[in-house]
Amino acid sequence: MPRSVNHVASKARRKKVLQLAKGYFGARGNVWTVAKNTVEKGLQYAYRDRRAKKRDFRALWIQRINAGAREHGMSYSELMGKIHAKGLELNRKTLADLAMNHPAAFKAVVDQVK
């Protein structure tokens, strides 16, 4: 009896990986073995960086809040401590947006906690 191979499934699997590698430079975009390795590594980076992105944005928000707070004579830690003590439910993302785009509103928040 001849050996049965599911060529439809294996071709579909290769096609899916080559589709993910579309736009890559040189052999990375059209040679199966190279594309497979590149796509696997890319997916690993994507998984890792979805988590790193959260850390990066939190750090950016903290820098923006700190810059805004120092314009009003406070440090970041002072401001956040007083915000939590007052029970204001403002997260860092919102505070950073206020500090960047709405300085008057941010000043009102700082004045309220002083």
PDB file of N, CA and C in Angstrom:
ATOM      1  N   MET A   1       0.848  -1.186   0.000  1.00  0.00           N
ATOM      2  CA  MET A   1       0.000   0.000   0.000  1.00  0.00           C
ATOM      3  C   MET A   1       0.895   1.252   0.000  1.00  0.00           C
ATOM      4  N   PRO A   2       0.559   2.234  -0.832  1.00  0.00           N
ATOM      5  CA  PRO A   2       1.398   3.427  -0.896  1.00  0.00           C
ATOM      6  C   PRO A   2       1.275   4.274   0.376  1.00  0.00           C
ATOM      7  N   ARG A   3       2.335   5.041   0.613  1.00  0.00           N
ATOM      8  CA  ARG A   3       2.366   5.907   1.789  1.00  0.00           C
ATOM      9  C   ARG A   3       1.433   7.091   1.564  1.00  0.00           C
ATOM     10  N   SER A   4       0.613   7.356   2.557  1.00  0.00           N
ATOM     11  CA  SER A   4      -0.349   8.449   2.451  1.00  0.00           C
ATOM     12  C   SER A   4       0.204   9.694   3.146  1.00  0.00           C
ATOM     13  N   VAL A   5       0.264  10.785   2.415  1.00  0.00           N
ATOM     14  CA  VAL A   5       0.773  12.038   2.969  1.00  0.00           C
ATOM     15  C   VAL A   5      -0.312  13.101   2.791  1.00  0.00           C
ATOM     16  N   ASN A   6      -0.555  13.835   3.843  1.00  0.00           N
ATOM     17  CA  ASN A   6      -1.590  14.870   3.755  1.00  0.00           C
ATOM     18  C   ASN A   6      -0.950  16.148   3.211  1.00  0.00           C
ATOM     19  N   HIS A   7      -0.785  16.192   1.897  1.00  0.00           N
ATOM     20  CA  HIS A   7      -0.118  17.335   1.282  1.00  0.00           C
ATOM     21  C   HIS A   7      -0.933  18.623   1.416  1.00  0.00           C
ATOM     22  N   VAL A   8      -2.231  18.502   1.457  1.00  0.00           N
ATOM     23  CA  VAL A   8      -3.084  19.689   1.569  1.00  0.00           C
ATOM     24  C   VAL A   8      -2.779  20.429   2.868  1.00  0.00           C
ATOM     25  N   ALA A   9      -2.688  19.692   3.964  1.00  0.00           N
ATOM     26  CA  ALA A   9      -2.443  20.320   5.267  1.00  0.00           C
ATOM     27  C   ALA A   9      -1.035  20.888   5.347  1.00  0.00           C
ATOM     28  N   SER A  10      -0.038  20.131   4.862  1.00  0.00           N
ATOM     29  CA  SER A  10       1.340  20.630   4.967  1.00  0.00           C
ATOM     30  C   SER A  10       1.554  21.839   4.063  1.00  0.00           C
ATOM     31  N   LYS A  11       0.918  21.846   2.895  1.00  0.00           N
ATOM     32  CA  LYS A  11       1.033  23.014   2.013  1.00  0.00           C
ATOM     33  C   LYS A  11       0.366  24.229   2.649  1.00  0.00           C
ATOM     34  N   ALA A  12      -0.777  24.012   3.290  1.00  0.00           N
ATOM     35  CA  ALA A  12      -1.496  25.117   3.943  1.00  0.00           C
ATOM     36  C   ALA A  12      -0.668  25.685   5.095  1.00  0.00           C
ATOM     37  N   ARG A  13       0.010  24.785   5.842  1.00  0.00           N
ATOM     38  CA  ARG A  13       0.838  25.223   6.962  1.00  0.00           C
ATOM     39  C   ARG A  13       2.007  26.069   6.455  1.00  0.00           C
ATOM     40  N   ARG A  14       2.659  25.601   5.386  1.00  0.00           N
ATOM     41  CA  ARG A  14       3.779  26.362   4.813  1.00  0.00           C
ATOM     42  C   ARG A  14       3.300  27.693   4.250  1.00  0.00           C
ATOM     43  N   LYS A  15       2.150  27.670   3.610  1.00  0.00           N
ATOM     44  CA  LYS A  15       1.596  28.894   3.016  1.00  0.00           C
ATOM     45  C   LYS A  15       1.293  29.928   4.115  1.00  0.00           C
ATOM     46  N   LYS A  16       0.788  29.441   5.246  1.00  0.00           N
ATOM     47  CA  LYS A  16       0.465  30.332   6.364  1.00  0.00           C
ATOM     48  C   LYS A  16       1.726  31.015   6.891  1.00  0.00           C
ATOM     49  N   VAL A  17       2.817  30.254   7.033  1.00  0.00           N
ATOM     50  CA  VAL A  17       4.077  30.814   7.531  1.00  0.00           C
ATOM     51  C   VAL A  17       4.661  31.786   6.513  1.00  0.00           C
ATOM     52  N   LEU A  18       4.628  31.420   5.222  1.00  0.00           N
ATOM     53  CA  LEU A  18       5.165  32.307   4.194  1.00  0.00           C
ATOM     54  C   LEU A  18       4.341  33.587   4.091  1.00  0.00           C
ATOM     55  N   GLN A  19       3.064  33.495   4.372  1.00  0.00           N
ATOM     56  CA  GLN A  19       2.220  34.694   4.383  1.00  0.00           C
ATOM     57  C   GLN A  19       2.632  35.626   5.530  1.00  0.00           C
ATOM     58  N   LEU A  20       2.968  35.037   6.700  1.00  0.00           N
ATOM     59  CA  LEU A  20       3.438  35.836   7.833  1.00  0.00           C
ATOM     60  C   LEU A  20       4.794  36.477   7.543  1.00  0.00           C
ATOM     61  N   ALA A  21       5.597  35.827   6.663  1.00  0.00           N
ATOM     62  CA  ALA A  21       6.935  36.335   6.337  1.00  0.00           C
ATOM     63  C   ALA A  21       6.912  37.316   5.174  1.00  0.00           C
ATOM     64  N   LYS A  22       5.732  37.642   4.695  1.00  0.00           N
ATOM     65  CA  LYS A  22       5.614  38.530   3.545  1.00  0.00           C
ATOM     66  C   LYS A  22       6.219  39.897   3.868  1.00  0.00           C
ATOM     67  N   GLY A  23       7.066  40.396   2.964  1.00  0.00           N
ATOM     68  CA  GLY A  23       7.683  41.699   3.164  1.00  0.00           C
ATOM     69  C   GLY A  23       9.060  41.626   3.795  1.00  0.00           C
ATOM     70  N   TYR A  24       9.474  40.435   4.259  1.00  0.00           N
ATOM     71  CA  TYR A  24      10.817  40.294   4.818  1.00  0.00           C
ATOM     72  C   TYR A  24      11.851  40.374   3.706  1.00  0.00           C
ATOM     73  N   PHE A  25      13.080  40.758   4.050  1.00  0.00           N
ATOM     74  CA  PHE A  25      14.148  40.959   3.062  1.00  0.00           C
ATOM     75  C   PHE A  25      14.729  39.631   2.594  1.00  0.00           C
ATOM     76  N   GLY A  26      14.940  39.525   1.307  1.00  0.00           N
ATOM     77  CA  GLY A  26      15.650  38.392   0.719  1.00  0.00           C
ATOM     78  C   GLY A  26      14.993  37.057   0.985  1.00  0.00           C
ATOM     79  N   ALA A  27      15.818  36.072   1.338  1.00  0.00           N
ATOM     80  CA  ALA A  27      15.339  34.704   1.526  1.00  0.00           C
ATOM     81  C   ALA A  27      14.373  34.586   2.698  1.00  0.00           C
ATOM     82  N   ARG A  28      14.416  35.536   3.613  1.00  0.00           N
ATOM     83  CA  ARG A  28      13.524  35.474   4.776  1.00  0.00           C
ATOM     84  C   ARG A  28      12.059  35.500   4.347  1.00  0.00           C
ATOM     85  N   GLY A  29      11.783  36.059   3.192  1.00  0.00           N
ATOM     86  CA  GLY A  29      10.396  36.192   2.761  1.00  0.00           C
ATOM     87  C   GLY A  29       9.891  35.079   1.871  1.00  0.00           C
ATOM     88  N   ASN A  30      10.796  34.256   1.293  1.00  0.00           N
ATOM     89  CA  ASN A  30      10.287  33.266   0.340  1.00  0.00           C
ATOM     90  C   ASN A  30      10.909  31.871   0.431  1.00  0.00           C
ATOM     91  N   VAL A  31      11.932  31.667   1.250  1.00  0.00           N
ATOM     92  CA  VAL A  31      12.517  30.333   1.425  1.00  0.00           C
ATOM     93  C   VAL A  31      11.944  29.732   2.706  1.00  0.00           C
ATOM     94  N   TRP A  32      11.325  28.559   2.569  1.00  0.00           N
ATOM     95  CA  TRP A  32      10.551  27.980   3.658  1.00  0.00           C
ATOM     96  C   TRP A  32      11.335  27.884   4.966  1.00  0.00           C
ATOM     97  N   THR A  33      12.540  27.281   4.953  1.00  0.00           N
ATOM     98  CA  THR A  33      13.258  27.042   6.207  1.00  0.00           C
ATOM     99  C   THR A  33      13.688  28.359   6.856  1.00  0.00           C
ATOM    100  N   VAL A  34      14.153  29.299   6.049  1.00  0.00           N
ATOM    101  CA  VAL A  34      14.591  30.592   6.583  1.00  0.00           C
ATOM    102  C   VAL A  34      13.380  31.367   7.102  1.00  0.00           C
ATOM    103  N   ALA A  35      12.304  31.355   6.313  1.00  0.00           N
ATOM    104  CA  ALA A  35      11.090  32.081   6.698  1.00  0.00           C
ATOM    105  C   ALA A  35      10.499  31.517   7.986  1.00  0.00           C
ATOM    106  N   LYS A  36      10.522  30.191   8.118  1.00  0.00           N
ATOM    107  CA  LYS A  36       9.965  29.551   9.316  1.00  0.00           C
ATOM    108  C   LYS A  36      10.714  30.020  10.561  1.00  0.00           C
ATOM    109  N   ASN A  37      12.051  30.030  10.496  1.00  0.00           N
ATOM    110  CA  ASN A  37      12.860  30.462  11.639  1.00  0.00           C
ATOM    111  C   ASN A  37      12.610  31.938  11.955  1.00  0.00           C
ATOM    112  N   THR A  38      12.544  32.751  10.913  1.00  0.00           N
ATOM    113  CA  THR A  38      12.351  34.189  11.104  1.00  0.00           C
ATOM    114  C   THR A  38      10.984  34.487  11.711  1.00  0.00           C
ATOM    115  N   VAL A  39       9.952  33.801  11.222  1.00  0.00           N
ATOM    116  CA  VAL A  39       8.598  34.025  11.724  1.00  0.00           C
ATOM    117  C   VAL A  39       8.494  33.565  13.176  1.00  0.00           C
ATOM    118  N   GLU A  40       9.095  32.417  13.502  1.00  0.00           N
ATOM    119  CA  GLU A  40       9.068  31.932  14.888  1.00  0.00           C
ATOM    120  C   GLU A  40       9.724  32.946  15.825  1.00  0.00           C
ATOM    121  N   LYS A  41      10.879  33.478  15.416  1.00  0.00           N
ATOM    122  CA  LYS A  41      11.579  34.451  16.241  1.00  0.00           C
ATOM    123  C   LYS A  41      10.755  35.732  16.363  1.00  0.00           C
ATOM    124  N   GLY A  42      10.142  36.142  15.260  1.00  0.00           N
ATOM    125  CA  GLY A  42       9.305  37.338  15.280  1.00  0.00           C
ATOM    126  C   GLY A  42       8.124  37.195  16.217  1.00  0.00           C
ATOM    127  N   LEU A  43       7.528  36.013  16.251  1.00  0.00           N
ATOM    128  CA  LEU A  43       6.389  35.773  17.143  1.00  0.00           C
ATOM    129  C   LEU A  43       6.851  35.767  18.604  1.00  0.00           C
ATOM    130  N   GLN A  44       8.073  35.288  18.851  1.00  0.00           N
ATOM    131  CA  GLN A  44       8.617  35.341  20.210  1.00  0.00           C
ATOM    132  C   GLN A  44       8.803  36.792  20.658  1.00  0.00           C
ATOM    133  N   TYR A  45       9.351  37.607  19.747  1.00  0.00           N
ATOM    134  CA  TYR A  45       9.533  39.029  20.064  1.00  0.00           C
ATOM    135  C   TYR A  45       8.182  39.704  20.316  1.00  0.00           C
ATOM    136  N   ALA A  46       7.187  39.350  19.503  1.00  0.00           N
ATOM    137  CA  ALA A  46       5.868  39.960  19.650  1.00  0.00           C
ATOM    138  C   ALA A  46       5.267  39.624  21.012  1.00  0.00           C
ATOM    139  N   TYR A  47       5.408  38.362  21.433  1.00  0.00           N
ATOM    140  CA  TYR A  47       4.887  37.922  22.726  1.00  0.00           C
ATOM    141  C   TYR A  47       5.580  38.679  23.859  1.00  0.00           C
ATOM    142  N   ARG A  48       6.919  38.748  23.777  1.00  0.00           N
ATOM    143  CA  ARG A  48       7.697  39.431  24.814  1.00  0.00           C
ATOM    144  C   ARG A  48       7.347  40.916  24.867  1.00  0.00           C
ATOM    145  N   ASP A  49       7.264  41.530  23.698  1.00  0.00           N
ATOM    146  CA  ASP A  49       7.113  42.977  23.653  1.00  0.00           C
ATOM    147  C   ASP A  49       5.692  43.451  23.946  1.00  0.00           C
ATOM    148  N   ARG A  50       4.714  42.563  23.861  1.00  0.00           N
ATOM    149  CA  ARG A  50       3.376  42.949  24.326  1.00  0.00           C
ATOM    150  C   ARG A  50       3.409  43.226  25.817  1.00  0.00           C
ATOM    151  N   ARG A  51       4.282  42.527  26.531  1.00  0.00           N
ATOM    152  CA  ARG A  51       4.434  42.767  27.971  1.00  0.00           C
ATOM    153  C   ARG A  51       5.347  43.950  28.236  1.00  0.00           C
ATOM    154  N   ALA A  52       6.429  44.059  27.463  1.00  0.00           N
ATOM    155  CA  ALA A  52       7.383  45.160  27.641  1.00  0.00           C
ATOM    156  C   ALA A  52       6.722  46.502  27.346  1.00  0.00           C
ATOM    157  N   LYS A  53       5.781  46.504  26.417  1.00  0.00           N
ATOM    158  CA  LYS A  53       5.070  47.735  26.047  1.00  0.00           C
ATOM    159  C   LYS A  53       4.356  48.342  27.253  1.00  0.00           C
ATOM    160  N   LYS A  54       3.786  47.496  28.079  1.00  0.00           N
ATOM    161  CA  LYS A  54       3.081  47.979  29.275  1.00  0.00           C
ATOM    162  C   LYS A  54       4.065  48.658  30.232  1.00  0.00           C
ATOM    163  N   ARG A  55       5.251  48.052  30.392  1.00  0.00           N
ATOM    164  CA  ARG A  55       6.275  48.651  31.252  1.00  0.00           C
ATOM    165  C   ARG A  55       6.751  49.979  30.685  1.00  0.00           C
ATOM    166  N   ASP A  56       6.978  50.001  29.365  1.00  0.00           N
ATOM    167  CA  ASP A  56       7.493  51.212  28.721  1.00  0.00           C
ATOM    168  C   ASP A  56       6.516  52.370  28.860  1.00  0.00           C
ATOM    169  N   PHE A  57       5.225  52.084  28.642  1.00  0.00           N
ATOM    170  CA  PHE A  57       4.238  53.158  28.748  1.00  0.00           C
ATOM    171  C   PHE A  57       4.100  53.652  30.180  1.00  0.00           C
ATOM    172  N   ARG A  58       4.149  52.744  31.145  1.00  0.00           N
ATOM    173  CA  ARG A  58       4.060  53.179  32.543  1.00  0.00           C
ATOM    174  C   ARG A  58       5.232  54.099  32.881  1.00  0.00           C
ATOM    175  N   ALA A  59       6.436  53.748  32.424  1.00  0.00           N
ATOM    176  CA  ALA A  59       7.616  54.579  32.671  1.00  0.00           C
ATOM    177  C   ALA A  59       7.455  55.954  32.019  1.00  0.00           C
ATOM    178  N   LEU A  60       6.904  55.988  30.806  1.00  0.00           N
ATOM    179  CA  LEU A  60       6.681  57.259  30.106  1.00  0.00           C
ATOM    180  C   LEU A  60       5.682  58.130  30.873  1.00  0.00           C
ATOM    181  N   TRP A  61       4.588  57.511  31.342  1.00  0.00           N
ATOM    182  CA  TRP A  61       3.582  58.271  32.101  1.00  0.00           C
ATOM    183  C   TRP A  61       4.193  58.852  33.368  1.00  0.00           C
ATOM    184  N   ILE A  62       5.020  58.076  34.054  1.00  0.00           N
ATOM    185  CA  ILE A  62       5.646  58.545  35.290  1.00  0.00           C
ATOM    186  C   ILE A  62       6.548  59.745  35.001  1.00  0.00           C
ATOM    187  N   GLN A  63       7.324  59.691  33.910  1.00  0.00           N
ATOM    188  CA  GLN A  63       8.196  60.813  33.544  1.00  0.00           C
ATOM    189  C   GLN A  63       7.379  62.067  33.262  1.00  0.00           C
ATOM    190  N   ARG A  64       6.255  61.906  32.571  1.00  0.00           N
ATOM    191  CA  ARG A  64       5.424  63.067  32.229  1.00  0.00           C
ATOM    192  C   ARG A  64       4.770  63.658  33.469  1.00  0.00           C
ATOM    193  N   ILE A  65       4.301  62.800  34.369  1.00  0.00           N
ATOM    194  CA  ILE A  65       3.687  63.293  35.609  1.00  0.00           C
ATOM    195  C   ILE A  65       4.738  64.004  36.455  1.00  0.00           C
ATOM    196  N   ASN A  66       5.933  63.433  36.519  1.00  0.00           N
ATOM    197  CA  ASN A  66       7.018  64.026  37.300  1.00  0.00           C
ATOM    198  C   ASN A  66       7.363  65.410  36.756  1.00  0.00           C
ATOM    199  N   ALA A  67       7.458  65.531  35.434  1.00  0.00           N
ATOM    200  CA  ALA A  67       7.776  66.831  34.828  1.00  0.00           C
ATOM    201  C   ALA A  67       6.686  67.850  35.152  1.00  0.00           C
ATOM    202  N   GLY A  68       5.428  67.426  35.051  1.00  0.00           N
ATOM    203  CA  GLY A  68       4.311  68.322  35.357  1.00  0.00           C
ATOM    204  C   GLY A  68       4.274  68.705  36.824  1.00  0.00           C
ATOM    205  N   ALA A  69       4.555  67.742  37.694  1.00  0.00           N
ATOM    206  CA  ALA A  69       4.519  68.007  39.137  1.00  0.00           C
ATOM    207  C   ALA A  69       5.633  68.972  39.533  1.00  0.00           C
ATOM    208  N   ARG A  70       6.800  68.819  38.948  1.00  0.00           N
ATOM    209  CA  ARG A  70       7.932  69.687  39.296  1.00  0.00           C
ATOM    210  C   ARG A  70       7.704  71.128  38.847  1.00  0.00           C
ATOM    211  N   GLU A  71       6.889  71.335  37.822  1.00  0.00           N
ATOM    212  CA  GLU A  71       6.523  72.699  37.427  1.00  0.00           C
ATOM    213  C   GLU A  71       5.715  73.390  38.517  1.00  0.00           C
ATOM    214  N   HIS A  72       5.069  72.592  39.361  1.00  0.00           N
ATOM    215  CA  HIS A  72       4.239  73.138  40.438  1.00  0.00           C
ATOM    216  C   HIS A  72       4.887  72.931  41.804  1.00  0.00           C
ATOM    217  N   GLY A  73       6.187  72.660  41.817  1.00  0.00           N
ATOM    218  CA  GLY A  73       6.932  72.591  43.070  1.00  0.00           C
ATOM    219  C   GLY A  73       6.745  71.325  43.878  1.00  0.00           C
ATOM    220  N   MET A  74       6.432  70.224  43.209  1.00  0.00           N
ATOM    221  CA  MET A  74       6.303  68.935  43.903  1.00  0.00           C
ATOM    222  C   MET A  74       7.110  67.890  43.152  1.00  0.00           C
ATOM    223  N   SER A  75       7.440  66.825  43.848  1.00  0.00           N
ATOM    224  CA  SER A  75       8.055  65.700  43.153  1.00  0.00           C
ATOM    225  C   SER A  75       6.951  64.701  42.796  1.00  0.00           C
ATOM    226  N   TYR A  76       7.296  63.744  41.958  1.00  0.00           N
ATOM    227  CA  TYR A  76       6.334  62.716  41.546  1.00  0.00           C
ATOM    228  C   TYR A  76       5.829  61.932  42.750  1.00  0.00           C
ATOM    229  N   SER A  77       6.759  61.521  43.606  1.00  0.00           N
ATOM    230  CA  SER A  77       6.358  60.680  44.740  1.00  0.00           C
ATOM    231  C   SER A  77       5.477  61.443  45.722  1.00  0.00           C
ATOM    232  N   GLU A  78       5.791  62.722  45.932  1.00  0.00           N
ATOM    233  CA  GLU A  78       4.937  63.559  46.785  1.00  0.00           C
ATOM    234  C   GLU A  78       3.523  63.624  46.228  1.00  0.00           C
ATOM    235  N   LEU A  79       3.450  63.927  44.927  1.00  0.00           N
ATOM    236  CA  LEU A  79       2.147  64.080  44.273  1.00  0.00           C
ATOM    237  C   LEU A  79       1.333  62.797  44.366  1.00  0.00           C
ATOM    238  N   MET A  80       1.952  61.671  44.035  1.00  0.00           N
ATOM    239  CA  MET A  80       1.215  60.408  44.035  1.00  0.00           C
ATOM    240  C   MET A  80       0.803  60.019  45.454  1.00  0.00           C
ATOM    241  N   GLY A  81       1.672  60.288  46.430  1.00  0.00           N
ATOM    242  CA  GLY A  81       1.320  59.998  47.818  1.00  0.00           C
ATOM    243  C   GLY A  81       0.112  60.791  48.262  1.00  0.00           C
ATOM    244  N   LYS A  82       0.072  62.085  47.901  1.00  0.00           N
ATOM    245  CA  LYS A  82      -1.050  62.936  48.293  1.00  0.00           C
ATOM    246  C   LYS A  82      -2.325  62.579  47.534  1.00  0.00           C
ATOM    247  N   ILE A  83      -2.176  62.179  46.277  1.00  0.00           N
ATOM    248  CA  ILE A  83      -3.352  61.765  45.491  1.00  0.00           C
ATOM    249  C   ILE A  83      -3.988  60.538  46.135  1.00  0.00           C
ATOM    250  N   HIS A  84      -3.153  59.572  46.539  1.00  0.00           N
ATOM    251  CA  HIS A  84      -3.680  58.358  47.161  1.00  0.00           C
ATOM    252  C   HIS A  84      -4.259  58.659  48.543  1.00  0.00           C
ATOM    253  N   ALA A  85      -3.626  59.568  49.270  1.00  0.00           N
ATOM    254  CA  ALA A  85      -4.130  59.930  50.598  1.00  0.00           C
ATOM    255  C   ALA A  85      -5.492  60.612  50.495  1.00  0.00           C
ATOM    256  N   LYS A  86      -5.666  61.464  49.466  1.00  0.00           N
ATOM    257  CA  LYS A  86      -6.947  62.148  49.258  1.00  0.00           C
ATOM    258  C   LYS A  86      -8.021  61.216  48.707  1.00  0.00           C
ATOM    259  N   GLY A  87      -7.589  60.084  48.162  1.00  0.00           N
ATOM    260  CA  GLY A  87      -8.553  59.124  47.602  1.00  0.00           C
ATOM    261  C   GLY A  87      -9.013  59.468  46.199  1.00  0.00           C
ATOM    262  N   LEU A  88      -8.202  60.216  45.468  1.00  0.00           N
ATOM    263  CA  LEU A  88      -8.556  60.537  44.081  1.00  0.00           C
ATOM    264  C   LEU A  88      -8.315  59.320  43.199  1.00  0.00           C
ATOM    265  N   GLU A  89      -9.304  58.983  42.396  1.00  0.00           N
ATOM    266  CA  GLU A  89      -9.209  57.798  41.538  1.00  0.00           C
ATOM    267  C   GLU A  89      -8.711  58.187  40.143  1.00  0.00           C
ATOM    268  N   LEU A  90      -7.500  58.727  40.077  1.00  0.00           N
ATOM    269  CA  LEU A  90      -6.897  59.066  38.787  1.00  0.00           C
ATOM    270  C   LEU A  90      -5.699  58.152  38.557  1.00  0.00           C
ATOM    271  N   ASN A  91      -5.694  57.450  37.428  1.00  0.00           N
ATOM    272  CA  ASN A  91      -4.551  56.579  37.153  1.00  0.00           C
ATOM    273  C   ASN A  91      -3.439  57.355  36.458  1.00  0.00           C
ATOM    274  N   ARG A  92      -2.292  56.725  36.314  1.00  0.00           N
ATOM    275  CA  ARG A  92      -1.125  57.399  35.753  1.00  0.00           C
ATOM    276  C   ARG A  92      -1.335  57.808  34.299  1.00  0.00           C
ATOM    277  N   LYS A  93      -2.045  56.994  33.553  1.00  0.00           N
ATOM    278  CA  LYS A  93      -2.298  57.316  32.147  1.00  0.00           C
ATOM    279  C   LYS A  93      -3.081  58.623  32.038  1.00  0.00           C
ATOM    280  N   THR A  94      -4.107  58.773  32.846  1.00  0.00           N
ATOM    281  CA  THR A  94      -4.932  59.981  32.832  1.00  0.00           C
ATOM    282  C   THR A  94      -4.138  61.194  33.311  1.00  0.00           C
ATOM    283  N   LEU A  95      -3.383  61.019  34.396  1.00  0.00           N
ATOM    284  CA  LEU A  95      -2.579  62.127  34.917  1.00  0.00           C
ATOM    285  C   LEU A  95      -1.537  62.585  33.905  1.00  0.00           C
ATOM    286  N   ALA A  96      -0.923  61.636  33.208  1.00  0.00           N
ATOM    287  CA  ALA A  96       0.084  61.988  32.207  1.00  0.00           C
ATOM    288  C   ALA A  96      -0.554  62.751  31.056  1.00  0.00           C
ATOM    289  N   ASP A  97      -1.759  62.343  30.662  1.00  0.00           N
ATOM    290  CA  ASP A  97      -2.467  63.049  29.586  1.00  0.00           C
ATOM    291  C   ASP A  97      -2.813  64.474  30.020  1.00  0.00           C
ATOM    292  N   LEU A  98      -3.255  64.613  31.266  1.00  0.00           N
ATOM    293  CA  LEU A  98      -3.552  65.951  31.781  1.00  0.00           C
ATOM    294  C   LEU A  98      -2.290  66.817  31.814  1.00  0.00           C
ATOM    295  N   ALA A  99      -1.190  66.253  32.275  1.00  0.00           N
ATOM    296  CA  ALA A  99       0.057  67.010  32.374  1.00  0.00           C
ATOM    297  C   ALA A  99       0.548  67.461  31.000  1.00  0.00           C
ATOM    298  N   MET A 100       0.385  66.601  29.995  1.00  0.00           N
ATOM    299  CA  MET A 100       0.870  66.917  28.643  1.00  0.00           C
ATOM    300  C   MET A 100      -0.071  67.872  27.905  1.00  0.00           C
ATOM    301  N   ASN A 101      -1.355  67.543  27.888  1.00  0.00           N
ATOM    302  CA  ASN A 101      -2.290  68.205  26.966  1.00  0.00           C
ATOM    303  C   ASN A 101      -3.224  69.216  27.624  1.00  0.00           C
ATOM    304  N   HIS A 102      -3.395  69.115  28.940  1.00  0.00           N
ATOM    305  CA  HIS A 102      -4.317  70.008  29.644  1.00  0.00           C
ATOM    306  C   HIS A 102      -3.653  70.524  30.922  1.00  0.00           C
ATOM    307  N   PRO A 103      -2.668  71.410  30.786  1.00  0.00           N
ATOM    308  CA  PRO A 103      -1.919  71.861  31.964  1.00  0.00           C
ATOM    309  C   PRO A 103      -2.790  72.547  33.021  1.00  0.00           C
ATOM    310  N   ALA A 104      -3.851  73.227  32.595  1.00  0.00           N
ATOM    311  CA  ALA A 104      -4.726  73.895  33.567  1.00  0.00           C
ATOM    312  C   ALA A 104      -5.442  72.868  34.436  1.00  0.00           C
ATOM    313  N   ALA A 105      -5.907  71.793  33.817  1.00  0.00           N
ATOM    314  CA  ALA A 105      -6.583  70.735  34.568  1.00  0.00           C
ATOM    315  C   ALA A 105      -5.608  70.030  35.506  1.00  0.00           C
ATOM    316  N   PHE A 106      -4.374  69.831  35.039  1.00  0.00           N
ATOM    317  CA  PHE A 106      -3.356  69.195  35.891  1.00  0.00           C
ATOM    318  C   PHE A 106      -3.039  70.086  37.086  1.00  0.00           C
ATOM    319  N   LYS A 107      -2.966  71.401  36.845  1.00  0.00           N
ATOM    320  CA  LYS A 107      -2.711  72.354  37.936  1.00  0.00           C
ATOM    321  C   LYS A 107      -3.834  72.293  38.957  1.00  0.00           C
ATOM    322  N   ALA A 108      -5.076  72.140  38.483  1.00  0.00           N
ATOM    323  CA  ALA A 108      -6.217  72.033  39.397  1.00  0.00           C
ATOM    324  C   ALA A 108      -6.091  70.790  40.278  1.00  0.00           C
ATOM    325  N   VAL A 109      -5.643  69.696  39.706  1.00  0.00           N
ATOM    326  CA  VAL A 109      -5.441  68.455  40.473  1.00  0.00           C
ATOM    327  C   VAL A 109      -4.359  68.664  41.520  1.00  0.00           C
ATOM    328  N   VAL A 110      -3.245  69.309  41.117  1.00  0.00           N
ATOM    329  CA  VAL A 110      -2.141  69.560  42.059  1.00  0.00           C
ATOM    330  C   VAL A 110      -2.600  70.475  43.190  1.00  0.00           C
ATOM    331  N   ASP A 111      -3.351  71.527  42.837  1.00  0.00           N
ATOM    332  CA  ASP A 111      -3.843  72.443  43.865  1.00  0.00           C
ATOM    333  C   ASP A 111      -4.801  71.761  44.823  1.00  0.00           C
ATOM    334  N   GLN A 112      -5.580  70.819  44.300  1.00  0.00           N
ATOM    335  CA  GLN A 112      -6.544  70.119  45.154  1.00  0.00           C
ATOM    336  C   GLN A 112      -5.838  69.237  46.195  1.00  0.00           C
ATOM    337  N   VAL A 113      -4.701  68.656  45.822  1.00  0.00           N
ATOM    338  CA  VAL A 113      -4.025  67.748  46.769  1.00  0.00           C
ATOM    339  C   VAL A 113      -3.018  68.470  47.664  1.00  0.00           C
ATOM    340  N   LYS A 114      -2.649  69.705  47.360  1.00  0.00           N
ATOM    341  CA  LYS A 114      -1.669  70.432  48.179  1.00  0.00           C
ATOM    342  C   LYS A 114      -2.221  70.753  49.552  1.00  0.00           C
TER     343      LYS A 114
END
